[in-house]
Amino acid sequence: MGIAGGKRALVIGVANDKSLAWAIARELHAQGAEICLTYQGEVLEKRVRPLAEQIGATVIGELDVTLDSQVDAVFTKIKQQWGGLDMLVHAVAYAAREDLRDRFLNVTRENFVRAVDISAYSLVALARAAEPLLQARGGGSILTMSYLGAVRAIPNYNVMGVAKAALEACVRYLALDLGPHNIRVNALSAAPARTLASSAIRDFHVMAHEVEQRSALRRAMRPEEVGTMAVALLSDLASGVTGQTVYVDLGYSVVG
């Protein structure tokens, strides 16, 4: 039995087999966790269900994080199936494609609000819904996904960087709120990964190449490296760690 043996995990944000959320779900499975996955829309459902079968996960239902009714429905199903929850993985983010290709200055009010709502506020909504289920198991852990653009101005990352900065602030405040209930909240800031989401960023290959050339380890990040660190942070190995943003970026963030 691995470090997640006997634990129950809800992973939100798997889109396909290139998703970092999928790398986390696979490692959770390898370390003994029971897993539930969600999907957003019919197209993604067709991708998620075969992946769920590979790891014996349950597809608990559809989840659009902007709809409180769907958030409530998913956690009601989790309560009915498991009674409680040990781990929640939030790997959800969105910015309009044009806002990842134009100047940040040109983002509209509507697109700004939507990016922050989906990418940051959704963590708050999900944590609120998860709190009683985590308490029912004596506490637990929540992990979200961030990126260096939260603390540095990365070309073309634009409004997503602002949303990630808000997300990292949410992590700190949620950690303070939930800590008395033995619930930890952390963020994992990964190096650029070739995923469905990153494909919308103009010149993404330049970002990825920069990390390979200038990071301390001088290579590309492997998705499984995100998976293993995520599971460590979610597990009791990190029982004293909360409110933190942990970098899995090959040392790129420390290079001058």
C-alpha atoms as a PDB file:
ATOM      1  CA  MET A   1       0.000   0.000   0.000  1.00  0.00           C
ATOM      2  CA  GLY A   2       1.380   3.417  -1.021  1.00  0.00           C
ATOM      3  CA  ILE A   3       1.335   6.754   0.752  1.00  0.00           C
ATOM      4  CA  ALA A   4      -2.240   7.386  -0.411  1.00  0.00           C
ATOM      5  CA  GLY A   5      -3.513   3.944   0.592  1.00  0.00           C
ATOM      6  CA  GLY A   6      -7.027   4.049   1.990  1.00  0.00           C
ATOM      7  CA  LYS A   7      -7.507   7.683   0.905  1.00  0.00           C
ATOM      8  CA  ARG A   8     -10.351   8.997  -1.212  1.00  0.00           C
ATOM      9  CA  ALA A   9      -9.539  11.683  -3.764  1.00  0.00           C
ATOM     10  CA  LEU A  10     -11.612  13.876  -6.052  1.00  0.00           C
ATOM     11  CA  VAL A  11      -9.619  15.127  -9.046  1.00  0.00           C
ATOM     12  CA  ILE A  12     -11.133  17.994 -11.011  1.00  0.00           C
ATOM     13  CA  GLY A  13      -9.655  19.136 -14.302  1.00  0.00           C
ATOM     14  CA  VAL A  14      -8.689  16.037 -16.284  1.00  0.00           C
ATOM     15  CA  ALA A  15      -9.187  16.915 -19.951  1.00  0.00           C
ATOM     16  CA  ASN A  16      -7.075  14.266 -21.707  1.00  0.00           C
ATOM     17  CA  ASP A  17      -4.011  12.109 -21.158  1.00  0.00           C
ATOM     18  CA  LYS A  18      -1.712  15.154 -21.409  1.00  0.00           C
ATOM     19  CA  SER A  19      -3.367  16.943 -18.477  1.00  0.00           C
ATOM     20  CA  LEU A  20      -1.282  17.480 -15.362  1.00  0.00           C
ATOM     21  CA  ALA A  21      -4.443  16.537 -13.480  1.00  0.00           C
ATOM     22  CA  TRP A  22      -4.212  13.145 -15.187  1.00  0.00           C
ATOM     23  CA  ALA A  23      -0.593  12.750 -14.096  1.00  0.00           C
ATOM     24  CA  ILE A  24      -1.746  13.418 -10.535  1.00  0.00           C
ATOM     25  CA  ALA A  25      -4.685  11.010 -10.785  1.00  0.00           C
ATOM     26  CA  ARG A  26      -2.403   8.246 -12.099  1.00  0.00           C
ATOM     27  CA  GLU A  27       0.058   8.713  -9.257  1.00  0.00           C
ATOM     28  CA  LEU A  28      -2.716   8.822  -6.664  1.00  0.00           C
ATOM     29  CA  HIS A  29      -3.935   5.507  -8.059  1.00  0.00           C
ATOM     30  CA  ALA A  30      -0.410   4.070  -8.014  1.00  0.00           C
ATOM     31  CA  GLN A  31      -0.120   5.095  -4.364  1.00  0.00           C
ATOM     32  CA  GLY A  32      -3.348   3.352  -3.372  1.00  0.00           C
ATOM     33  CA  ALA A  33      -6.046   6.046  -3.454  1.00  0.00           C
ATOM     34  CA  GLU A  34      -9.636   5.610  -4.580  1.00  0.00           C
ATOM     35  CA  ILE A  35     -10.401   8.276  -7.156  1.00  0.00           C
ATOM     36  CA  CYS A  36     -13.399  10.143  -8.530  1.00  0.00           C
ATOM     37  CA  LEU A  37     -13.128  12.279 -11.661  1.00  0.00           C
ATOM     38  CA  THR A  38     -15.408  14.914 -13.163  1.00  0.00           C
ATOM     39  CA  TYR A  39     -15.763  16.251 -16.682  1.00  0.00           C
ATOM     40  CA  GLN A  40     -17.045  19.421 -18.322  1.00  0.00           C
ATOM     41  CA  GLY A  41     -19.294  18.861 -21.303  1.00  0.00           C
ATOM     42  CA  GLU A  42     -19.945  15.998 -23.655  1.00  0.00           C
ATOM     43  CA  VAL A  43     -16.676  16.289 -25.603  1.00  0.00           C
ATOM     44  CA  LEU A  44     -14.513  15.990 -22.494  1.00  0.00           C
ATOM     45  CA  GLU A  45     -16.685  13.219 -21.069  1.00  0.00           C
ATOM     46  CA  LYS A  46     -15.710  11.048 -24.041  1.00  0.00           C
ATOM     47  CA  ARG A  47     -12.034  11.600 -23.179  1.00  0.00           C
ATOM     48  CA  VAL A  48     -12.336  11.247 -19.415  1.00  0.00           C
ATOM     49  CA  ARG A  49     -14.306   7.989 -19.195  1.00  0.00           C
ATOM     50  CA  PRO A  50     -11.670   5.799 -20.932  1.00  0.00           C
ATOM     51  CA  LEU A  51      -8.972   7.330 -18.715  1.00  0.00           C
ATOM     52  CA  ALA A  52     -11.047   6.620 -15.618  1.00  0.00           C
ATOM     53  CA  GLU A  53     -11.299   2.973 -16.670  1.00  0.00           C
ATOM     54  CA  GLN A  54      -7.487   2.737 -16.812  1.00  0.00           C
ATOM     55  CA  ILE A  55      -7.184   3.489 -13.092  1.00  0.00           C
ATOM     56  CA  GLY A  56     -10.497   2.122 -11.855  1.00  0.00           C
ATOM     57  CA  ALA A  57     -11.779   5.618 -11.070  1.00  0.00           C
ATOM     58  CA  THR A  58     -15.422   6.615 -10.824  1.00  0.00           C
ATOM     59  CA  VAL A  59     -16.676   9.380 -13.094  1.00  0.00           C
ATOM     60  CA  ILE A  60     -18.875  11.126 -10.554  1.00  0.00           C
ATOM     61  CA  GLY A  61     -20.547  13.537 -12.971  1.00  0.00           C
ATOM     62  CA  GLU A  62     -20.403  16.741 -14.945  1.00  0.00           C
ATOM     63  CA  LEU A  63     -18.886  19.800 -13.305  1.00  0.00           C
ATOM     64  CA  ASP A  64     -18.874  23.340 -14.644  1.00  0.00           C
ATOM     65  CA  VAL A  65     -17.247  25.232 -11.771  1.00  0.00           C
ATOM     66  CA  THR A  66     -19.214  28.386 -12.591  1.00  0.00           C
ATOM     67  CA  LEU A  67     -22.481  26.615 -11.757  1.00  0.00           C
ATOM     68  CA  ASP A  68     -23.136  26.248  -8.032  1.00  0.00           C
ATOM     69  CA  SER A  69     -25.838  23.690  -8.782  1.00  0.00           C
ATOM     70  CA  GLN A  70     -23.287  21.363 -10.402  1.00  0.00           C
ATOM     71  CA  VAL A  71     -20.783  21.922  -7.578  1.00  0.00           C
ATOM     72  CA  ASP A  72     -23.470  20.966  -5.048  1.00  0.00           C
ATOM     73  CA  ALA A  73     -24.524  17.942  -7.108  1.00  0.00           C
ATOM     74  CA  VAL A  74     -20.973  16.553  -7.350  1.00  0.00           C
ATOM     75  CA  PHE A  75     -20.314  16.815  -3.622  1.00  0.00           C
ATOM     76  CA  THR A  76     -23.708  15.350  -2.817  1.00  0.00           C
ATOM     77  CA  LYS A  77     -22.773  12.331  -4.929  1.00  0.00           C
ATOM     78  CA  ILE A  78     -19.379  12.100  -3.209  1.00  0.00           C
ATOM     79  CA  LYS A  79     -21.126  12.093   0.166  1.00  0.00           C
ATOM     80  CA  GLN A  80     -23.519   9.371  -0.975  1.00  0.00           C
ATOM     81  CA  GLN A  81     -20.720   7.229  -2.415  1.00  0.00           C
ATOM     82  CA  TRP A  82     -17.990   7.676   0.185  1.00  0.00           C
ATOM     83  CA  GLY A  83     -19.448   9.563   3.126  1.00  0.00           C
ATOM     84  CA  GLY A  84     -16.325  11.695   3.259  1.00  0.00           C
ATOM     85  CA  LEU A  85     -13.270  12.866   1.334  1.00  0.00           C
ATOM     86  CA  ASP A  86      -9.526  12.964   2.041  1.00  0.00           C
ATOM     87  CA  MET A  87      -8.085  14.814  -0.939  1.00  0.00           C
ATOM     88  CA  LEU A  88      -9.289  17.394  -3.452  1.00  0.00           C
ATOM     89  CA  VAL A  89      -7.301  18.327  -6.553  1.00  0.00           C
ATOM     90  CA  HIS A  90      -8.298  21.572  -8.305  1.00  0.00           C
ATOM     91  CA  ALA A  91      -6.718  21.792 -11.759  1.00  0.00           C
ATOM     92  CA  VAL A  92      -9.083  24.252 -13.394  1.00  0.00           C
ATOM     93  CA  ALA A  93      -8.176  27.460 -15.237  1.00  0.00           C
ATOM     94  CA  TYR A  94      -9.486  29.503 -18.140  1.00  0.00           C
ATOM     95  CA  ALA A  95      -8.680  32.618 -20.132  1.00  0.00           C
ATOM     96  CA  ALA A  96     -10.065  33.601 -23.507  1.00  0.00           C
ATOM     97  CA  ARG A  97      -7.696  32.653 -26.322  1.00  0.00           C
ATOM     98  CA  GLU A  98      -7.415  36.233 -27.531  1.00  0.00           C
ATOM     99  CA  ASP A  99      -6.241  37.319 -24.091  1.00  0.00           C
ATOM    100  CA  LEU A 100      -3.281  34.946 -24.320  1.00  0.00           C
ATOM    101  CA  ARG A 101      -2.225  36.403 -27.666  1.00  0.00           C
ATOM    102  CA  ASP A 102      -2.903  40.143 -27.401  1.00  0.00           C
ATOM    103  CA  ARG A 103      -1.557  42.755 -24.977  1.00  0.00           C
ATOM    104  CA  PHE A 104      -2.735  42.401 -21.366  1.00  0.00           C
ATOM    105  CA  LEU A 105      -3.845  46.027 -21.587  1.00  0.00           C
ATOM    106  CA  ASN A 106      -6.612  45.004 -23.980  1.00  0.00           C
ATOM    107  CA  VAL A 107      -8.379  42.448 -21.786  1.00  0.00           C
ATOM    108  CA  THR A 108     -12.064  43.294 -21.440  1.00  0.00           C
ATOM    109  CA  ARG A 109     -13.817  43.610 -18.115  1.00  0.00           C
ATOM    110  CA  GLU A 110     -15.957  40.591 -18.971  1.00  0.00           C
ATOM    111  CA  ASN A 111     -12.989  38.386 -19.852  1.00  0.00           C
ATOM    112  CA  PHE A 112     -11.061  39.541 -16.770  1.00  0.00           C
ATOM    113  CA  VAL A 113     -13.919  38.629 -14.442  1.00  0.00           C
ATOM    114  CA  ARG A 114     -14.480  35.279 -16.146  1.00  0.00           C
ATOM    115  CA  ALA A 115     -10.786  34.313 -15.946  1.00  0.00           C
ATOM    116  CA  VAL A 116     -10.617  35.069 -12.224  1.00  0.00           C
ATOM    117  CA  ASP A 117     -13.965  33.392 -11.546  1.00  0.00           C
ATOM    118  CA  ILE A 118     -13.019  30.107 -13.212  1.00  0.00           C
ATOM    119  CA  SER A 119      -9.334  30.050 -12.312  1.00  0.00           C
ATOM    120  CA  ALA A 120      -9.413  31.361  -8.729  1.00  0.00           C
ATOM    121  CA  TYR A 121     -12.883  31.725  -7.227  1.00  0.00           C
ATOM    122  CA  SER A 122     -13.709  28.149  -8.218  1.00  0.00           C
ATOM    123  CA  LEU A 123     -11.165  26.946  -5.649  1.00  0.00           C
ATOM    124  CA  VAL A 124     -13.068  28.819  -2.941  1.00  0.00           C
ATOM    125  CA  ALA A 125     -16.401  27.371  -4.068  1.00  0.00           C
ATOM    126  CA  LEU A 126     -15.038  23.835  -4.189  1.00  0.00           C
ATOM    127  CA  ALA A 127     -13.250  24.146  -0.837  1.00  0.00           C
ATOM    128  CA  ARG A 128     -16.465  25.348   0.784  1.00  0.00           C
ATOM    129  CA  ALA A 129     -18.384  22.382  -0.619  1.00  0.00           C
ATOM    130  CA  ALA A 130     -15.600  19.957   0.330  1.00  0.00           C
ATOM    131  CA  GLU A 131     -15.099  21.196   3.899  1.00  0.00           C
ATOM    132  CA  PRO A 132     -17.779  19.038   5.610  1.00  0.00           C
ATOM    133  CA  LEU A 133     -16.686  15.941   3.679  1.00  0.00           C
ATOM    134  CA  LEU A 134     -13.039  16.492   4.624  1.00  0.00           C
ATOM    135  CA  GLN A 135     -14.046  17.060   8.240  1.00  0.00           C
ATOM    136  CA  ALA A 136     -15.991  13.802   8.181  1.00  0.00           C
ATOM    137  CA  ARG A 137     -12.684  11.984   7.589  1.00  0.00           C
ATOM    138  CA  GLY A 138     -10.844  13.888  10.319  1.00  0.00           C
ATOM    139  CA  GLY A 139      -9.318  16.430   7.972  1.00  0.00           C
ATOM    140  CA  GLY A 140      -7.564  16.241   4.635  1.00  0.00           C
ATOM    141  CA  SER A 141      -5.812  18.252   1.961  1.00  0.00           C
ATOM    142  CA  ILE A 142      -6.574  20.417  -1.045  1.00  0.00           C
ATOM    143  CA  LEU A 143      -4.153  21.061  -3.887  1.00  0.00           C
ATOM    144  CA  THR A 144      -4.437  23.514  -6.770  1.00  0.00           C
ATOM    145  CA  MET A 145      -2.237  24.173  -9.783  1.00  0.00           C
ATOM    146  CA  SER A 146      -0.407  27.452 -10.378  1.00  0.00           C
ATOM    147  CA  TYR A 147       2.392  28.834 -12.535  1.00  0.00           C
ATOM    148  CA  LEU A 148       5.278  31.287 -12.256  1.00  0.00           C
ATOM    149  CA  GLY A 149       3.186  33.895 -14.110  1.00  0.00           C
ATOM    150  CA  ALA A 150       1.445  34.508 -10.780  1.00  0.00           C
ATOM    151  CA  VAL A 151       4.519  36.302  -9.444  1.00  0.00           C
ATOM    152  CA  ARG A 152       6.344  37.371 -12.618  1.00  0.00           C
ATOM    153  CA  ALA A 153       5.150  39.065 -15.799  1.00  0.00           C
ATOM    154  CA  ILE A 154       5.468  36.295 -18.385  1.00  0.00           C
ATOM    155  CA  PRO A 155       4.959  37.379 -22.024  1.00  0.00           C
ATOM    156  CA  ASN A 156       1.532  36.331 -23.347  1.00  0.00           C
ATOM    157  CA  TYR A 157       0.401  34.805 -20.031  1.00  0.00           C
ATOM    158  CA  ASN A 158      -1.405  38.056 -19.323  1.00  0.00           C
ATOM    159  CA  VAL A 159      -4.744  37.800 -17.495  1.00  0.00           C
ATOM    160  CA  MET A 160      -4.036  34.191 -16.577  1.00  0.00           C
ATOM    161  CA  GLY A 161      -1.110  35.428 -14.513  1.00  0.00           C
ATOM    162  CA  VAL A 162      -3.423  37.795 -12.669  1.00  0.00           C
ATOM    163  CA  ALA A 163      -5.867  34.943 -12.080  1.00  0.00           C
ATOM    164  CA  LYS A 164      -3.088  32.686 -10.786  1.00  0.00           C
ATOM    165  CA  ALA A 165      -1.937  35.440  -8.429  1.00  0.00           C
ATOM    166  CA  ALA A 166      -5.484  35.583  -7.071  1.00  0.00           C
ATOM    167  CA  LEU A 167      -5.478  31.791  -6.831  1.00  0.00           C
ATOM    168  CA  GLU A 168      -2.292  31.744  -4.746  1.00  0.00           C
ATOM    169  CA  ALA A 169      -3.778  34.381  -2.426  1.00  0.00           C
ATOM    170  CA  CYS A 170      -6.892  32.214  -2.080  1.00  0.00           C
ATOM    171  CA  VAL A 171      -4.656  29.305  -1.060  1.00  0.00           C
ATOM    172  CA  ARG A 172      -3.253  31.313   1.837  1.00  0.00           C
ATOM    173  CA  TYR A 173      -6.628  32.521   3.107  1.00  0.00           C
ATOM    174  CA  LEU A 174      -8.248  29.102   2.729  1.00  0.00           C
ATOM    175  CA  ALA A 175      -5.343  27.544   4.624  1.00  0.00           C
ATOM    176  CA  LEU A 176      -6.026  29.972   7.468  1.00  0.00           C
ATOM    177  CA  ASP A 177      -9.766  29.251   7.464  1.00  0.00           C
ATOM    178  CA  LEU A 178      -9.516  25.481   7.171  1.00  0.00           C
ATOM    179  CA  GLY A 179      -6.438  24.809   9.276  1.00  0.00           C
ATOM    180  CA  PRO A 180      -8.380  24.496  12.558  1.00  0.00           C
ATOM    181  CA  HIS A 181     -10.254  21.581  10.975  1.00  0.00           C
ATOM    182  CA  ASN A 182      -6.986  19.812  10.031  1.00  0.00           C
ATOM    183  CA  ILE A 183      -7.469  20.661   6.370  1.00  0.00           C
ATOM    184  CA  ARG A 184      -4.369  21.758   4.472  1.00  0.00           C
ATOM    185  CA  VAL A 185      -4.398  23.852   1.287  1.00  0.00           C
ATOM    186  CA  ASN A 186      -1.420  24.223  -1.044  1.00  0.00           C
ATOM    187  CA  ALA A 187      -0.554  25.132  -4.629  1.00  0.00           C
ATOM    188  CA  LEU A 188       1.853  23.383  -6.956  1.00  0.00           C
ATOM    189  CA  SER A 189       3.525  25.690  -9.467  1.00  0.00           C
ATOM    190  CA  ALA A 190       4.677  23.617 -12.414  1.00  0.00           C
ATOM    191  CA  ALA A 191       6.985  24.403 -15.305  1.00  0.00           C
ATOM    192  CA  PRO A 192       5.350  24.937 -18.715  1.00  0.00           C
ATOM    193  CA  ALA A 193       3.675  21.712 -19.829  1.00  0.00           C
ATOM    194  CA  ARG A 194       2.304  20.886 -23.257  1.00  0.00           C
ATOM    195  CA  THR A 195      -1.382  20.510 -22.405  1.00  0.00           C
ATOM    196  CA  LEU A 196      -4.722  21.394 -23.979  1.00  0.00           C
ATOM    197  CA  ALA A 197      -4.780  24.646 -22.002  1.00  0.00           C
ATOM    198  CA  SER A 198      -1.238  25.737 -22.854  1.00  0.00           C
ATOM    199  CA  SER A 199      -1.889  25.329 -26.575  1.00  0.00           C
ATOM    200  CA  ALA A 200      -3.843  28.603 -26.486  1.00  0.00           C
ATOM    201  CA  ILE A 201      -0.823  30.640 -25.354  1.00  0.00           C
ATOM    202  CA  ARG A 202       0.962  32.459 -28.167  1.00  0.00           C
ATOM    203  CA  ASP A 203       4.600  31.336 -28.517  1.00  0.00           C
ATOM    204  CA  PHE A 204       4.179  28.716 -25.819  1.00  0.00           C
ATOM    205  CA  HIS A 205       7.086  26.801 -27.296  1.00  0.00           C
ATOM    206  CA  VAL A 206       9.313  29.784 -26.472  1.00  0.00           C
ATOM    207  CA  MET A 207       8.285  29.572 -22.796  1.00  0.00           C
ATOM    208  CA  ALA A 208       8.987  25.854 -22.696  1.00  0.00           C
ATOM    209  CA  HIS A 209      12.320  26.197 -24.497  1.00  0.00           C
ATOM    210  CA  GLU A 210      13.405  28.944 -22.080  1.00  0.00           C
ATOM    211  CA  VAL A 211      12.942  26.589 -19.124  1.00  0.00           C
ATOM    212  CA  GLU A 212      14.879  23.830 -20.845  1.00  0.00           C
ATOM    213  CA  GLN A 213      17.765  26.198 -21.585  1.00  0.00           C
ATOM    214  CA  ARG A 214      17.920  28.260 -18.377  1.00  0.00           C
ATOM    215  CA  SER A 215      16.521  26.158 -15.523  1.00  0.00           C
ATOM    216  CA  ALA A 216      18.925  24.752 -12.966  1.00  0.00           C
ATOM    217  CA  LEU A 217      18.368  21.219 -14.264  1.00  0.00           C
ATOM    218  CA  ARG A 218      18.568  22.232 -17.955  1.00  0.00           C
ATOM    219  CA  ARG A 219      15.791  20.004 -19.217  1.00  0.00           C
ATOM    220  CA  ALA A 220      12.042  19.796 -19.709  1.00  0.00           C
ATOM    221  CA  MET A 221       9.746  18.887 -16.841  1.00  0.00           C
ATOM    222  CA  ARG A 222       8.234  15.419 -16.879  1.00  0.00           C
ATOM    223  CA  PRO A 223       4.495  15.194 -16.052  1.00  0.00           C
ATOM    224  CA  GLU A 224       5.161  12.378 -13.592  1.00  0.00           C
ATOM    225  CA  GLU A 225       7.308  14.791 -11.573  1.00  0.00           C
ATOM    226  CA  VAL A 226       4.182  16.874 -11.002  1.00  0.00           C
ATOM    227  CA  GLY A 227       2.254  13.725 -10.104  1.00  0.00           C
ATOM    228  CA  THR A 228       4.694  12.543  -7.467  1.00  0.00           C
ATOM    229  CA  MET A 229       5.072  15.948  -5.793  1.00  0.00           C
ATOM    230  CA  ALA A 230       1.316  16.474  -5.853  1.00  0.00           C
ATOM    231  CA  VAL A 231       0.695  13.186  -4.080  1.00  0.00           C
ATOM    232  CA  ALA A 232       3.399  13.990  -1.516  1.00  0.00           C
ATOM    233  CA  LEU A 233       1.725  17.337  -0.759  1.00  0.00           C
ATOM    234  CA  LEU A 234      -1.697  15.730  -0.569  1.00  0.00           C
ATOM    235  CA  SER A 235      -0.494  12.938   1.693  1.00  0.00           C
ATOM    236  CA  ASP A 236       0.481  12.839   5.347  1.00  0.00           C
ATOM    237  CA  LEU A 237       4.126  13.189   4.280  1.00  0.00           C
ATOM    238  CA  ALA A 238       3.370  16.925   4.115  1.00  0.00           C
ATOM    239  CA  SER A 239       1.284  17.063   7.285  1.00  0.00           C
ATOM    240  CA  GLY A 240       2.981  20.281   8.408  1.00  0.00           C
ATOM    241  CA  VAL A 241       2.772  22.093   5.068  1.00  0.00           C
ATOM    242  CA  THR A 242      -0.140  24.428   4.300  1.00  0.00           C
ATOM    243  CA  GLY A 243      -0.713  27.769   2.602  1.00  0.00           C
ATOM    244  CA  GLN A 244       2.340  27.256   0.402  1.00  0.00           C
ATOM    245  CA  THR A 245       3.145  27.413  -3.290  1.00  0.00           C
ATOM    246  CA  VAL A 246       5.624  24.642  -4.080  1.00  0.00           C
ATOM    247  CA  TYR A 247       7.578  24.863  -7.339  1.00  0.00           C
ATOM    248  CA  VAL A 248       8.139  21.879  -9.584  1.00  0.00           C
ATOM    249  CA  ASP A 249       9.931  23.811 -12.295  1.00  0.00           C
ATOM    250  CA  LEU A 250      13.420  22.321 -12.459  1.00  0.00           C
ATOM    251  CA  GLY A 251      14.749  25.304 -10.519  1.00  0.00           C
ATOM    252  CA  TYR A 252      13.786  27.850 -13.183  1.00  0.00           C
ATOM    253  CA  SER A 253      12.145  30.210 -10.666  1.00  0.00           C
ATOM    254  CA  VAL A 254      15.393  30.649  -8.695  1.00  0.00           C
ATOM    255  CA  VAL A 255      17.605  31.476 -11.676  1.00  0.00           C
ATOM    256  CA  GLY A 256      18.456  35.168 -12.113  1.00  0.00           C
END
